Amino acid sequence: MDVACSAEGDEDRFWQLLDERCELCHKALRIRHETLLGTPSDVAPILWQHGAIARLGKGEVIDPLLYDNYSTISLGYAGLCECVYRMKGVSHTDPAGHDFGITVMKFLNLKTAQWRDAENISYSLYGTPMESSTYKFAQCLQRRFGIIPHVTDKNYITNSYHVHVTEPIDAFSKLDFEAEFQELSPGGAISYVEVPNLQNNIPAVLTLMRYIYEHIMYAELNTKSDYCQVCGFDGEIRIVDDDGKHVWECPNCGNRDQRRMNVCRRVCGYLGVNFFNQGRTEEIKERVLHLGSESGRLVDEA
């Protein structure tokens, strides 16, 4: 995303900058690798001595496990959909943007493959979830490039290759689309579909789970599980705007005291029970349903 904004739509400049940024990341990853060299297994016995990762002896260093494909070191990326929009003027779900997005992913995979072959260190491409840094990075991009519609006009950056959270798409189409990108993110990838309360529609849950099993490597269902300690409301605590700030509010009693409510939301791969910064909260608020009337595919049709 940063590369696309810096290139200002010039594709030749884009590929030049992407190559330069990749090499900068390569240097940073080398520093991380070299920092780990000489680490004794005693620093984390469960991991290194008792089988969670390996069974090394006491005092034995972990160095051999940092080579020969035993472990990976990841090149992270995020904001592919914004990147494509800045370069092509369309989402990467559009045929005119899809091929460019795939080419970007293949370029990044080629870089990690070249580093791996040259150094015998398992560099791999990782779909960065951008847990809390999504807000910080979005603010930095706005300061540097201003507000660009569909690119820097949000206080968050889209995770990895994901379809933008505001883009209408049904669950099955989303899984099919993201499966292709997930294959090009071998160091780590996760997809999700946003669903309503399906407690009374278990067949829909099973249909989705079967579809995930048959069509994509790793995916999940996002639903809401909240509780208001003031009135006992058990459902979805909503996000409302209060003078430009996103605030959690019980729809039953109006409670806004975060100390007296329990909110659980999935932020990429994690179920978070702590409250989120304003950027991530905005992203959560803007998520559209991928199953239900809003997605154009009804739950009872699943």
C-alpha atoms as a PDB file:
ATOM      1  CA  MET A   1       0.000   0.000   0.000  1.00  0.00           C
ATOM      2  CA  ASP A   2       2.798   2.417   0.908  1.00  0.00           C
ATOM      3  CA  VAL A   3       4.663   1.437  -2.245  1.00  0.00           C
ATOM      4  CA  ALA A   4       1.598   2.074  -4.410  1.00  0.00           C
ATOM      5  CA  CYS A   5       1.043   5.503  -2.852  1.00  0.00           C
ATOM      6  CA  SER A   6       4.720   6.393  -3.291  1.00  0.00           C
ATOM      7  CA  ALA A   7       4.621   5.300  -6.942  1.00  0.00           C
ATOM      8  CA  GLU A   8       1.574   7.520  -7.609  1.00  0.00           C
ATOM      9  CA  GLY A   9       0.130   5.051 -10.101  1.00  0.00           C
ATOM     10  CA  ASP A  10       3.332   4.667 -12.159  1.00  0.00           C
ATOM     11  CA  GLU A  11       3.804   0.922 -12.630  1.00  0.00           C
ATOM     12  CA  ASP A  12       7.495   1.088 -13.541  1.00  0.00           C
ATOM     13  CA  ARG A  13       8.128   3.126 -10.425  1.00  0.00           C
ATOM     14  CA  PHE A  14       5.969   0.718  -8.399  1.00  0.00           C
ATOM     15  CA  TRP A  15       8.046  -2.356  -9.259  1.00  0.00           C
ATOM     16  CA  GLN A  16      11.290  -0.475  -8.665  1.00  0.00           C
ATOM     17  CA  LEU A  17      10.130   0.683  -5.227  1.00  0.00           C
ATOM     18  CA  LEU A  18       8.750  -2.730  -4.326  1.00  0.00           C
ATOM     19  CA  ASP A  19      12.094  -4.311  -5.108  1.00  0.00           C
ATOM     20  CA  GLU A  20      13.931  -1.715  -3.007  1.00  0.00           C
ATOM     21  CA  ARG A  21      11.554  -2.107  -0.066  1.00  0.00           C
ATOM     22  CA  CYS A  22      11.855  -5.886  -0.217  1.00  0.00           C
ATOM     23  CA  GLU A  23      15.631  -5.660   0.039  1.00  0.00           C
ATOM     24  CA  LEU A  24      15.296  -3.299   3.001  1.00  0.00           C
ATOM     25  CA  CYS A  25      13.034  -5.859   4.673  1.00  0.00           C
ATOM     26  CA  HIS A  26      15.559  -8.559   3.813  1.00  0.00           C
ATOM     27  CA  LYS A  27      18.245  -6.698   5.748  1.00  0.00           C
ATOM     28  CA  ALA A  28      15.920  -6.368   8.730  1.00  0.00           C
ATOM     29  CA  LEU A  29      15.124 -10.084   8.632  1.00  0.00           C
ATOM     30  CA  ARG A  30      18.827 -10.910   8.516  1.00  0.00           C
ATOM     31  CA  ILE A  31      19.336  -8.865  11.680  1.00  0.00           C
ATOM     32  CA  ARG A  32      16.550 -10.842  13.370  1.00  0.00           C
ATOM     33  CA  HIS A  33      18.093 -14.124  12.244  1.00  0.00           C
ATOM     34  CA  GLU A  34      21.577 -13.177  13.419  1.00  0.00           C
ATOM     35  CA  THR A  35      20.221 -11.977  16.770  1.00  0.00           C
ATOM     36  CA  LEU A  36      18.792 -15.467  17.364  1.00  0.00           C
ATOM     37  CA  LEU A  37      22.065 -17.212  16.593  1.00  0.00           C
ATOM     38  CA  GLY A  38      23.683 -18.537  19.762  1.00  0.00           C
ATOM     39  CA  THR A  39      20.454 -18.604  21.769  1.00  0.00           C
ATOM     40  CA  PRO A  40      20.573 -21.520  24.246  1.00  0.00           C
ATOM     41  CA  SER A  41      17.617 -23.879  24.466  1.00  0.00           C
ATOM     42  CA  ASP A  42      17.399 -23.079  28.206  1.00  0.00           C
ATOM     43  CA  VAL A  43      15.641 -19.756  27.502  1.00  0.00           C
ATOM     44  CA  ALA A  44      12.405 -21.658  26.772  1.00  0.00           C
ATOM     45  CA  PRO A  45      12.678 -25.304  27.850  1.00  0.00           C
ATOM     46  CA  ILE A  46       9.109 -26.214  26.899  1.00  0.00           C
ATOM     47  CA  LEU A  47       9.687 -24.963  23.369  1.00  0.00           C
ATOM     48  CA  TRP A  48      13.228 -26.129  22.697  1.00  0.00           C
ATOM     49  CA  GLN A  49      13.868 -29.031  25.092  1.00  0.00           C
ATOM     50  CA  HIS A  50      10.530 -30.714  25.798  1.00  0.00           C
ATOM     51  CA  GLY A  51       9.087 -31.095  22.327  1.00  0.00           C
ATOM     52  CA  ALA A  52       6.880 -28.082  21.609  1.00  0.00           C
ATOM     53  CA  ILE A  53       9.323 -27.158  18.840  1.00  0.00           C
ATOM     54  CA  ALA A  54      12.328 -29.425  19.395  1.00  0.00           C
ATOM     55  CA  ARG A  55      14.131 -31.707  21.862  1.00  0.00           C
ATOM     56  CA  LEU A  56      17.516 -30.088  22.318  1.00  0.00           C
ATOM     57  CA  GLY A  57      19.757 -30.743  25.287  1.00  0.00           C
ATOM     58  CA  LYS A  58      20.408 -28.277  28.091  1.00  0.00           C
ATOM     59  CA  GLY A  59      22.818 -25.581  26.991  1.00  0.00           C
ATOM     60  CA  GLU A  60      22.488 -26.576  23.350  1.00  0.00           C
ATOM     61  CA  VAL A  61      22.025 -23.640  20.994  1.00  0.00           C
ATOM     62  CA  ILE A  62      19.102 -23.423  18.590  1.00  0.00           C
ATOM     63  CA  ASP A  63      21.268 -22.490  15.585  1.00  0.00           C
ATOM     64  CA  PRO A  64      20.747 -25.711  13.546  1.00  0.00           C
ATOM     65  CA  LEU A  65      16.973 -25.183  13.718  1.00  0.00           C
ATOM     66  CA  LEU A  66      17.251 -21.803  12.025  1.00  0.00           C
ATOM     67  CA  TYR A  67      18.295 -23.422   8.732  1.00  0.00           C
ATOM     68  CA  ASP A  68      17.259 -26.257   6.395  1.00  0.00           C
ATOM     69  CA  ASN A  69      13.522 -25.456   6.381  1.00  0.00           C
ATOM     70  CA  TYR A  70      13.049 -26.390  10.046  1.00  0.00           C
ATOM     71  CA  SER A  71      11.690 -22.909  10.843  1.00  0.00           C
ATOM     72  CA  THR A  72      10.553 -19.921   8.809  1.00  0.00           C
ATOM     73  CA  ILE A  73      11.305 -16.222   8.996  1.00  0.00           C
ATOM     74  CA  SER A  74       8.534 -14.121   7.537  1.00  0.00           C
ATOM     75  CA  LEU A  75       8.257 -11.216   5.138  1.00  0.00           C
ATOM     76  CA  GLY A  76       4.983  -9.555   6.105  1.00  0.00           C
ATOM     77  CA  TYR A  77       2.615  -7.605   3.895  1.00  0.00           C
ATOM     78  CA  ALA A  78      -0.738  -5.864   4.297  1.00  0.00           C
ATOM     79  CA  GLY A  79      -3.108  -3.634   2.360  1.00  0.00           C
ATOM     80  CA  LEU A  80      -3.125  -5.501  -0.940  1.00  0.00           C
ATOM     81  CA  CYS A  81      -6.645  -4.334  -1.796  1.00  0.00           C
ATOM     82  CA  GLU A  82      -5.722  -0.655  -1.209  1.00  0.00           C
ATOM     83  CA  CYS A  83      -2.520  -1.168  -3.201  1.00  0.00           C
ATOM     84  CA  VAL A  84      -4.445  -2.503  -6.183  1.00  0.00           C
ATOM     85  CA  TYR A  85      -6.998   0.301  -5.970  1.00  0.00           C
ATOM     86  CA  ARG A  86      -4.255   2.944  -5.974  1.00  0.00           C
ATOM     87  CA  MET A  87      -2.587   1.364  -9.003  1.00  0.00           C
ATOM     88  CA  LYS A  88      -5.613   0.213 -11.012  1.00  0.00           C
ATOM     89  CA  GLY A  89      -8.539   2.251  -9.710  1.00  0.00           C
ATOM     90  CA  VAL A  90     -10.546  -0.870  -8.840  1.00  0.00           C
ATOM     91  CA  SER A  91     -10.731  -3.507  -6.125  1.00  0.00           C
ATOM     92  CA  HIS A  92      -8.655  -6.651  -6.502  1.00  0.00           C
ATOM     93  CA  THR A  93     -11.975  -8.524  -6.727  1.00  0.00           C
ATOM     94  CA  ASP A  94     -12.497  -6.782 -10.075  1.00  0.00           C
ATOM     95  CA  PRO A  95     -10.992  -8.682 -13.031  1.00  0.00           C
ATOM     96  CA  ALA A  96      -9.017  -5.546 -13.915  1.00  0.00           C
ATOM     97  CA  GLY A  97      -7.380  -5.564 -10.489  1.00  0.00           C
ATOM     98  CA  HIS A  98      -7.182  -9.289  -9.779  1.00  0.00           C
ATOM     99  CA  ASP A  99      -4.250 -10.048 -12.075  1.00  0.00           C
ATOM    100  CA  PHE A 100      -2.199  -7.159 -10.723  1.00  0.00           C
ATOM    101  CA  GLY A 101      -2.806  -8.354  -7.164  1.00  0.00           C
ATOM    102  CA  ILE A 102      -1.727 -11.880  -8.058  1.00  0.00           C
ATOM    103  CA  THR A 103       1.391 -10.526  -9.790  1.00  0.00           C
ATOM    104  CA  VAL A 104       2.325  -8.589  -6.640  1.00  0.00           C
ATOM    105  CA  MET A 105       1.963 -11.731  -4.546  1.00  0.00           C
ATOM    106  CA  LYS A 106       4.060 -13.772  -6.974  1.00  0.00           C
ATOM    107  CA  PHE A 107       6.747 -11.082  -6.944  1.00  0.00           C
ATOM    108  CA  LEU A 108       6.966 -11.232  -3.143  1.00  0.00           C
ATOM    109  CA  ASN A 109       7.113 -15.026  -3.220  1.00  0.00           C
ATOM    110  CA  LEU A 110       9.909 -14.896  -5.779  1.00  0.00           C
ATOM    111  CA  LYS A 111      11.937 -12.596  -3.534  1.00  0.00           C
ATOM    112  CA  THR A 112      11.624 -14.908  -0.528  1.00  0.00           C
ATOM    113  CA  ALA A 113      12.497 -17.905  -2.714  1.00  0.00           C
ATOM    114  CA  GLN A 114      15.654 -16.174  -3.951  1.00  0.00           C
ATOM    115  CA  TRP A 115      16.756 -15.347  -0.409  1.00  0.00           C
ATOM    116  CA  ARG A 116      16.006 -18.887   0.749  1.00  0.00           C
ATOM    117  CA  ASP A 117      18.036 -20.471  -2.046  1.00  0.00           C
ATOM    118  CA  ALA A 118      20.981 -18.155  -1.461  1.00  0.00           C
ATOM    119  CA  GLU A 119      21.159 -18.450   2.347  1.00  0.00           C
ATOM    120  CA  ASN A 120      19.435 -21.747   3.286  1.00  0.00           C
ATOM    121  CA  ILE A 121      17.177 -19.738   5.597  1.00  0.00           C
ATOM    122  CA  SER A 122      13.472 -20.402   5.157  1.00  0.00           C
ATOM    123  CA  TYR A 123      12.156 -16.977   4.247  1.00  0.00           C
ATOM    124  CA  SER A 124       8.423 -17.060   3.575  1.00  0.00           C
ATOM    125  CA  LEU A 125       5.578 -14.667   2.836  1.00  0.00           C
ATOM    126  CA  TYR A 126       3.236 -13.917   5.740  1.00  0.00           C
ATOM    127  CA  GLY A 127      -0.189 -12.258   5.564  1.00  0.00           C
ATOM    128  CA  THR A 128       0.213  -9.667   8.324  1.00  0.00           C
ATOM    129  CA  PRO A 129      -2.895  -9.234  10.513  1.00  0.00           C
ATOM    130  CA  MET A 130      -1.817  -5.729  11.663  1.00  0.00           C
ATOM    131  CA  GLU A 131      -3.500  -6.112  15.035  1.00  0.00           C
ATOM    132  CA  SER A 132      -3.059  -2.657  16.587  1.00  0.00           C
ATOM    133  CA  SER A 133      -0.506  -1.137  14.196  1.00  0.00           C
ATOM    134  CA  THR A 134      -3.230  -0.819  11.548  1.00  0.00           C
ATOM    135  CA  TYR A 135      -4.259   2.510  13.137  1.00  0.00           C
ATOM    136  CA  LYS A 136      -0.711   3.853  13.463  1.00  0.00           C
ATOM    137  CA  PHE A 137       0.202   2.958   9.881  1.00  0.00           C
ATOM    138  CA  ALA A 138      -3.043   4.400   8.499  1.00  0.00           C
ATOM    139  CA  GLN A 139      -2.395   7.706  10.265  1.00  0.00           C
ATOM    140  CA  CYS A 140       1.157   7.820   8.900  1.00  0.00           C
ATOM    141  CA  LEU A 141      -0.102   7.240   5.345  1.00  0.00           C
ATOM    142  CA  GLN A 142      -2.703   9.997   5.725  1.00  0.00           C
ATOM    143  CA  ARG A 143      -0.049  12.452   6.878  1.00  0.00           C
ATOM    144  CA  ARG A 144       2.255  11.577   3.986  1.00  0.00           C
ATOM    145  CA  PHE A 145      -0.228  11.233   1.113  1.00  0.00           C
ATOM    146  CA  GLY A 146      -3.431  12.911   2.276  1.00  0.00           C
ATOM    147  CA  ILE A 147      -6.865  11.358   1.899  1.00  0.00           C
ATOM    148  CA  ILE A 148      -7.111   9.175  -1.211  1.00  0.00           C
ATOM    149  CA  PRO A 149     -10.577   7.632  -1.732  1.00  0.00           C
ATOM    150  CA  HIS A 150     -10.606   3.846  -1.227  1.00  0.00           C
ATOM    151  CA  VAL A 151      -6.911   3.947  -0.283  1.00  0.00           C
ATOM    152  CA  THR A 152      -6.103   6.186   2.713  1.00  0.00           C
ATOM    153  CA  ASP A 153      -9.609   7.342   3.653  1.00  0.00           C
ATOM    154  CA  LYS A 154      -9.941   4.864   6.536  1.00  0.00           C
ATOM    155  CA  ASN A 155      -8.227   4.743   9.928  1.00  0.00           C
ATOM    156  CA  TYR A 156      -7.155   1.174   9.274  1.00  0.00           C
ATOM    157  CA  ILE A 157      -5.391  -0.892   6.632  1.00  0.00           C
ATOM    158  CA  THR A 158      -6.882  -4.111   5.294  1.00  0.00           C
ATOM    159  CA  ASN A 159      -5.256  -7.279   6.584  1.00  0.00           C
ATOM    160  CA  SER A 160      -3.050  -9.097   4.067  1.00  0.00           C
ATOM    161  CA  TYR A 161      -4.911 -10.072   0.846  1.00  0.00           C
ATOM    162  CA  HIS A 162      -8.420  -9.791   2.344  1.00  0.00           C
ATOM    163  CA  VAL A 163     -11.410  -8.387   0.531  1.00  0.00           C
ATOM    164  CA  HIS A 164     -12.113  -4.957   2.015  1.00  0.00           C
ATOM    165  CA  VAL A 165     -14.415  -5.193   5.036  1.00  0.00           C
ATOM    166  CA  THR A 166     -16.939  -2.792   3.447  1.00  0.00           C
ATOM    167  CA  GLU A 167     -17.170  -4.625   0.122  1.00  0.00           C
ATOM    168  CA  PRO A 168     -20.407  -6.597  -0.388  1.00  0.00           C
ATOM    169  CA  ILE A 169     -19.614 -10.236  -1.193  1.00  0.00           C
ATOM    170  CA  ASP A 170     -21.232 -13.481  -0.095  1.00  0.00           C
ATOM    171  CA  ALA A 171     -19.380 -15.950   2.119  1.00  0.00           C
ATOM    172  CA  PHE A 172     -18.851 -18.612  -0.524  1.00  0.00           C
ATOM    173  CA  SER A 173     -17.570 -16.188  -3.165  1.00  0.00           C
ATOM    174  CA  LYS A 174     -15.222 -14.622  -0.621  1.00  0.00           C
ATOM    175  CA  LEU A 175     -13.750 -17.989   0.333  1.00  0.00           C
ATOM    176  CA  ASP A 176     -13.299 -18.954  -3.306  1.00  0.00           C
ATOM    177  CA  PHE A 177     -11.639 -15.645  -4.140  1.00  0.00           C
ATOM    178  CA  GLU A 178      -9.283 -15.528  -1.174  1.00  0.00           C
ATOM    179  CA  ALA A 179      -8.222 -19.172  -1.562  1.00  0.00           C
ATOM    180  CA  GLU A 180      -6.134 -18.226  -4.606  1.00  0.00           C
ATOM    181  CA  PHE A 181      -4.302 -15.522  -2.672  1.00  0.00           C
ATOM    182  CA  GLN A 182      -3.931 -17.709   0.394  1.00  0.00           C
ATOM    183  CA  GLU A 183      -1.894 -20.214  -1.610  1.00  0.00           C
ATOM    184  CA  LEU A 184       0.577 -17.399  -2.326  1.00  0.00           C
ATOM    185  CA  SER A 185       0.974 -16.609   1.371  1.00  0.00           C
ATOM    186  CA  PRO A 186       2.723 -19.807   2.553  1.00  0.00           C
ATOM    187  CA  GLY A 187       4.322 -18.290   5.662  1.00  0.00           C
ATOM    188  CA  GLY A 188       0.907 -17.675   7.212  1.00  0.00           C
ATOM    189  CA  ALA A 189      -2.609 -16.857   6.037  1.00  0.00           C
ATOM    190  CA  ILE A 190      -6.127 -16.775   7.418  1.00  0.00           C
ATOM    191  CA  SER A 191      -9.475 -15.829   5.896  1.00  0.00           C
ATOM    192  CA  TYR A 192     -12.815 -15.180   7.537  1.00  0.00           C
ATOM    193  CA  VAL A 193     -16.479 -14.647   6.790  1.00  0.00           C
ATOM    194  CA  GLU A 194     -18.633 -12.350   8.890  1.00  0.00           C
ATOM    195  CA  VAL A 195     -21.883 -14.000   9.933  1.00  0.00           C
ATOM    196  CA  PRO A 196     -24.943 -13.127  12.048  1.00  0.00           C
ATOM    197  CA  ASN A 197     -25.981 -15.110  15.108  1.00  0.00           C
ATOM    198  CA  LEU A 198     -26.287 -18.693  13.871  1.00  0.00           C
ATOM    199  CA  GLN A 199     -27.107 -20.365  17.194  1.00  0.00           C
ATOM    200  CA  ASN A 200     -30.461 -21.386  15.791  1.00  0.00           C
ATOM    201  CA  ASN A 201     -29.163 -22.313  12.368  1.00  0.00           C
ATOM    202  CA  ILE A 202     -26.598 -25.053  12.895  1.00  0.00           C
ATOM    203  CA  PRO A 203     -27.086 -26.428   9.340  1.00  0.00           C
ATOM    204  CA  ALA A 204     -25.763 -23.104   7.998  1.00  0.00           C
ATOM    205  CA  VAL A 205     -22.711 -23.393  10.260  1.00  0.00           C
ATOM    206  CA  LEU A 206     -22.020 -26.931   9.064  1.00  0.00           C
ATOM    207  CA  THR A 207     -22.497 -25.909   5.427  1.00  0.00           C
ATOM    208  CA  LEU A 208     -19.918 -23.151   5.816  1.00  0.00           C
ATOM    209  CA  MET A 209     -17.479 -25.403   7.650  1.00  0.00           C
ATOM    210  CA  ARG A 210     -17.748 -28.038   4.929  1.00  0.00           C
ATOM    211  CA  TYR A 211     -17.192 -25.380   2.263  1.00  0.00           C
ATOM    212  CA  ILE A 212     -14.098 -24.140   4.084  1.00  0.00           C
ATOM    213  CA  TYR A 213     -12.771 -27.687   4.361  1.00  0.00           C
ATOM    214  CA  GLU A 214     -13.207 -28.299   0.634  1.00  0.00           C
ATOM    215  CA  HIS A 215     -12.144 -24.934  -0.803  1.00  0.00           C
ATOM    216  CA  ILE A 216      -9.543 -23.109   1.306  1.00  0.00           C
ATOM    217  CA  MET A 217      -6.591 -23.886   3.528  1.00  0.00           C
ATOM    218  CA  TYR A 218      -7.535 -21.917   6.659  1.00  0.00           C
ATOM    219  CA  ALA A 219     -10.636 -19.863   7.421  1.00  0.00           C
ATOM    220  CA  GLU A 220     -13.063 -19.057  10.213  1.00  0.00           C
ATOM    221  CA  LEU A 221     -16.515 -17.712  11.006  1.00  0.00           C
ATOM    222  CA  ASN A 222     -16.770 -14.340  12.754  1.00  0.00           C
ATOM    223  CA  THR A 223     -19.741 -13.844  15.031  1.00  0.00           C
ATOM    224  CA  LYS A 224     -20.433 -11.690  18.079  1.00  0.00           C
ATOM    225  CA  SER A 225     -20.427 -12.783  21.706  1.00  0.00           C
ATOM    226  CA  ASP A 226     -21.012  -9.838  24.053  1.00  0.00           C
ATOM    227  CA  TYR A 227     -22.516  -9.298  27.495  1.00  0.00           C
ATOM    228  CA  CYS A 228     -23.612  -6.199  29.385  1.00  0.00           C
ATOM    229  CA  GLN A 229     -22.944  -6.471  33.119  1.00  0.00           C
ATOM    230  CA  VAL A 230     -25.389  -3.655  33.862  1.00  0.00           C
ATOM    231  CA  CYS A 231     -28.604  -5.081  32.403  1.00  0.00           C
ATOM    232  CA  GLY A 232     -27.666  -8.666  31.518  1.00  0.00           C
ATOM    233  CA  PHE A 233     -28.035  -8.154  27.759  1.00  0.00           C
ATOM    234  CA  ASP A 234     -26.520 -11.099  25.864  1.00  0.00           C
ATOM    235  CA  GLY A 235     -26.048 -10.302  22.182  1.00  0.00           C
ATOM    236  CA  GLU A 236     -24.157  -7.774  20.082  1.00  0.00           C
ATOM    237  CA  ILE A 237     -22.943  -4.622  21.810  1.00  0.00           C
ATOM    238  CA  ARG A 238     -22.866  -1.998  19.110  1.00  0.00           C
ATOM    239  CA  ILE A 239     -20.351   0.695  18.185  1.00  0.00           C
ATOM    240  CA  VAL A 240     -21.752   4.236  18.019  1.00  0.00           C
ATOM    241  CA  ASP A 241     -20.226   7.561  17.064  1.00  0.00           C
ATOM    242  CA  ASP A 242     -19.817  10.103  19.863  1.00  0.00           C
ATOM    243  CA  ASP A 243     -18.446  13.411  18.600  1.00  0.00           C
ATOM    244  CA  GLY A 244     -16.083  11.676  16.165  1.00  0.00           C
ATOM    245  CA  LYS A 245     -15.070   8.898  18.549  1.00  0.00           C
ATOM    246  CA  HIS A 246     -16.153   5.268  18.274  1.00  0.00           C
ATOM    247  CA  VAL A 247     -17.795   4.115  21.521  1.00  0.00           C
ATOM    248  CA  TRP A 248     -19.190   0.730  22.583  1.00  0.00           C
ATOM    249  CA  GLU A 249     -22.809   0.937  23.772  1.00  0.00           C
ATOM    250  CA  CYS A 250     -25.295  -1.642  25.031  1.00  0.00           C
ATOM    251  CA  PRO A 251     -28.361  -1.470  22.739  1.00  0.00           C
ATOM    252  CA  ASN A 252     -30.620  -2.464  25.642  1.00  0.00           C
ATOM    253  CA  CYS A 253     -29.700  -0.067  28.451  1.00  0.00           C
ATOM    254  CA  GLY A 254     -27.247   2.366  26.849  1.00  0.00           C
ATOM    255  CA  ASN A 255     -24.321   1.377  29.094  1.00  0.00           C
ATOM    256  CA  ARG A 256     -21.020   2.745  27.748  1.00  0.00           C
ATOM    257  CA  ASP A 257     -18.789   1.804  30.674  1.00  0.00           C
ATOM    258  CA  GLN A 258     -16.253  -0.611  29.201  1.00  0.00           C
ATOM    259  CA  ARG A 259     -15.446  -1.853  32.690  1.00  0.00           C
ATOM    260  CA  ARG A 260     -19.011  -3.169  32.931  1.00  0.00           C
ATOM    261  CA  MET A 261     -19.325  -4.993  29.626  1.00  0.00           C
ATOM    262  CA  ASN A 262     -17.665  -7.942  27.921  1.00  0.00           C
ATOM    263  CA  VAL A 263     -16.975  -7.625  24.201  1.00  0.00           C
ATOM    264  CA  CYS A 264     -15.375 -10.364  22.133  1.00  0.00           C
ATOM    265  CA  ARG A 265     -14.344  -9.820  18.516  1.00  0.00           C
ATOM    266  CA  ARG A 266     -12.047 -11.684  16.174  1.00  0.00           C
ATOM    267  CA  VAL A 267      -9.193  -9.518  14.936  1.00  0.00           C
ATOM    268  CA  CYS A 268      -7.811 -11.585  12.076  1.00  0.00           C
ATOM    269  CA  GLY A 269      -6.683 -14.817  13.768  1.00  0.00           C
ATOM    270  CA  TYR A 270      -7.376 -13.879  17.369  1.00  0.00           C
ATOM    271  CA  LEU A 271     -10.468 -13.598  19.530  1.00  0.00           C
ATOM    272  CA  GLY A 272      -9.847 -10.404  21.471  1.00  0.00           C
ATOM    273  CA  VAL A 273     -11.625  -9.582  24.710  1.00  0.00           C
ATOM    274  CA  ASN A 274      -9.818  -6.320  25.325  1.00  0.00           C
ATOM    275  CA  PHE A 275     -11.026  -3.118  23.726  1.00  0.00           C
ATOM    276  CA  PHE A 276      -9.343  -1.942  20.554  1.00  0.00           C
ATOM    277  CA  ASN A 277      -7.827   1.313  19.345  1.00  0.00           C
ATOM    278  CA  GLN A 278      -9.950   3.688  17.267  1.00  0.00           C
ATOM    279  CA  GLY A 279      -8.656   2.393  13.938  1.00  0.00           C
ATOM    280  CA  ARG A 280      -9.417  -1.255  14.659  1.00  0.00           C
ATOM    281  CA  THR A 281     -12.758  -0.291  16.226  1.00  0.00           C
ATOM    282  CA  GLU A 282     -13.691   1.560  13.019  1.00  0.00           C
ATOM    283  CA  GLU A 283     -12.764  -1.532  10.989  1.00  0.00           C
ATOM    284  CA  ILE A 284     -14.939  -3.738  13.207  1.00  0.00           C
ATOM    285  CA  LYS A 285     -17.849  -1.282  12.919  1.00  0.00           C
ATOM    286  CA  GLU A 286     -17.666  -1.238   9.115  1.00  0.00           C
ATOM    287  CA  ARG A 287     -17.600  -5.003   8.556  1.00  0.00           C
ATOM    288  CA  VAL A 288     -20.450  -6.160   6.330  1.00  0.00           C
ATOM    289  CA  LEU A 289     -22.116  -9.528   6.754  1.00  0.00           C
ATOM    290  CA  HIS A 290     -21.090 -12.196   4.266  1.00  0.00           C
ATOM    291  CA  LEU A 291     -24.034 -14.412   5.105  1.00  0.00           C
ATOM    292  CA  GLY A 292     -27.518 -12.992   5.502  1.00  0.00           C
ATOM    293  CA  SER A 293     -29.682 -10.381   3.838  1.00  0.00           C
ATOM    294  CA  GLU A 294     -26.854  -7.823   3.634  1.00  0.00           C
ATOM    295  CA  SER A 295     -24.696 -10.201   1.611  1.00  0.00           C
ATOM    296  CA  GLY A 296     -27.420 -11.052  -0.870  1.00  0.00           C
ATOM    297  CA  ARG A 297     -27.442 -14.671   0.266  1.00  0.00           C
ATOM    298  CA  LEU A 298     -29.859 -15.592   3.028  1.00  0.00           C
ATOM    299  CA  VAL A 299     -28.776 -17.689   5.996  1.00  0.00           C
ATOM    300  CA  ASP A 300     -31.585 -20.203   5.534  1.00  0.00           C
ATOM    301  CA  GLU A 301     -30.396 -20.839   1.978  1.00  0.00           C
ATOM    302  CA  ALA A 302     -26.990 -22.022   3.155  1.00  0.00           C
END
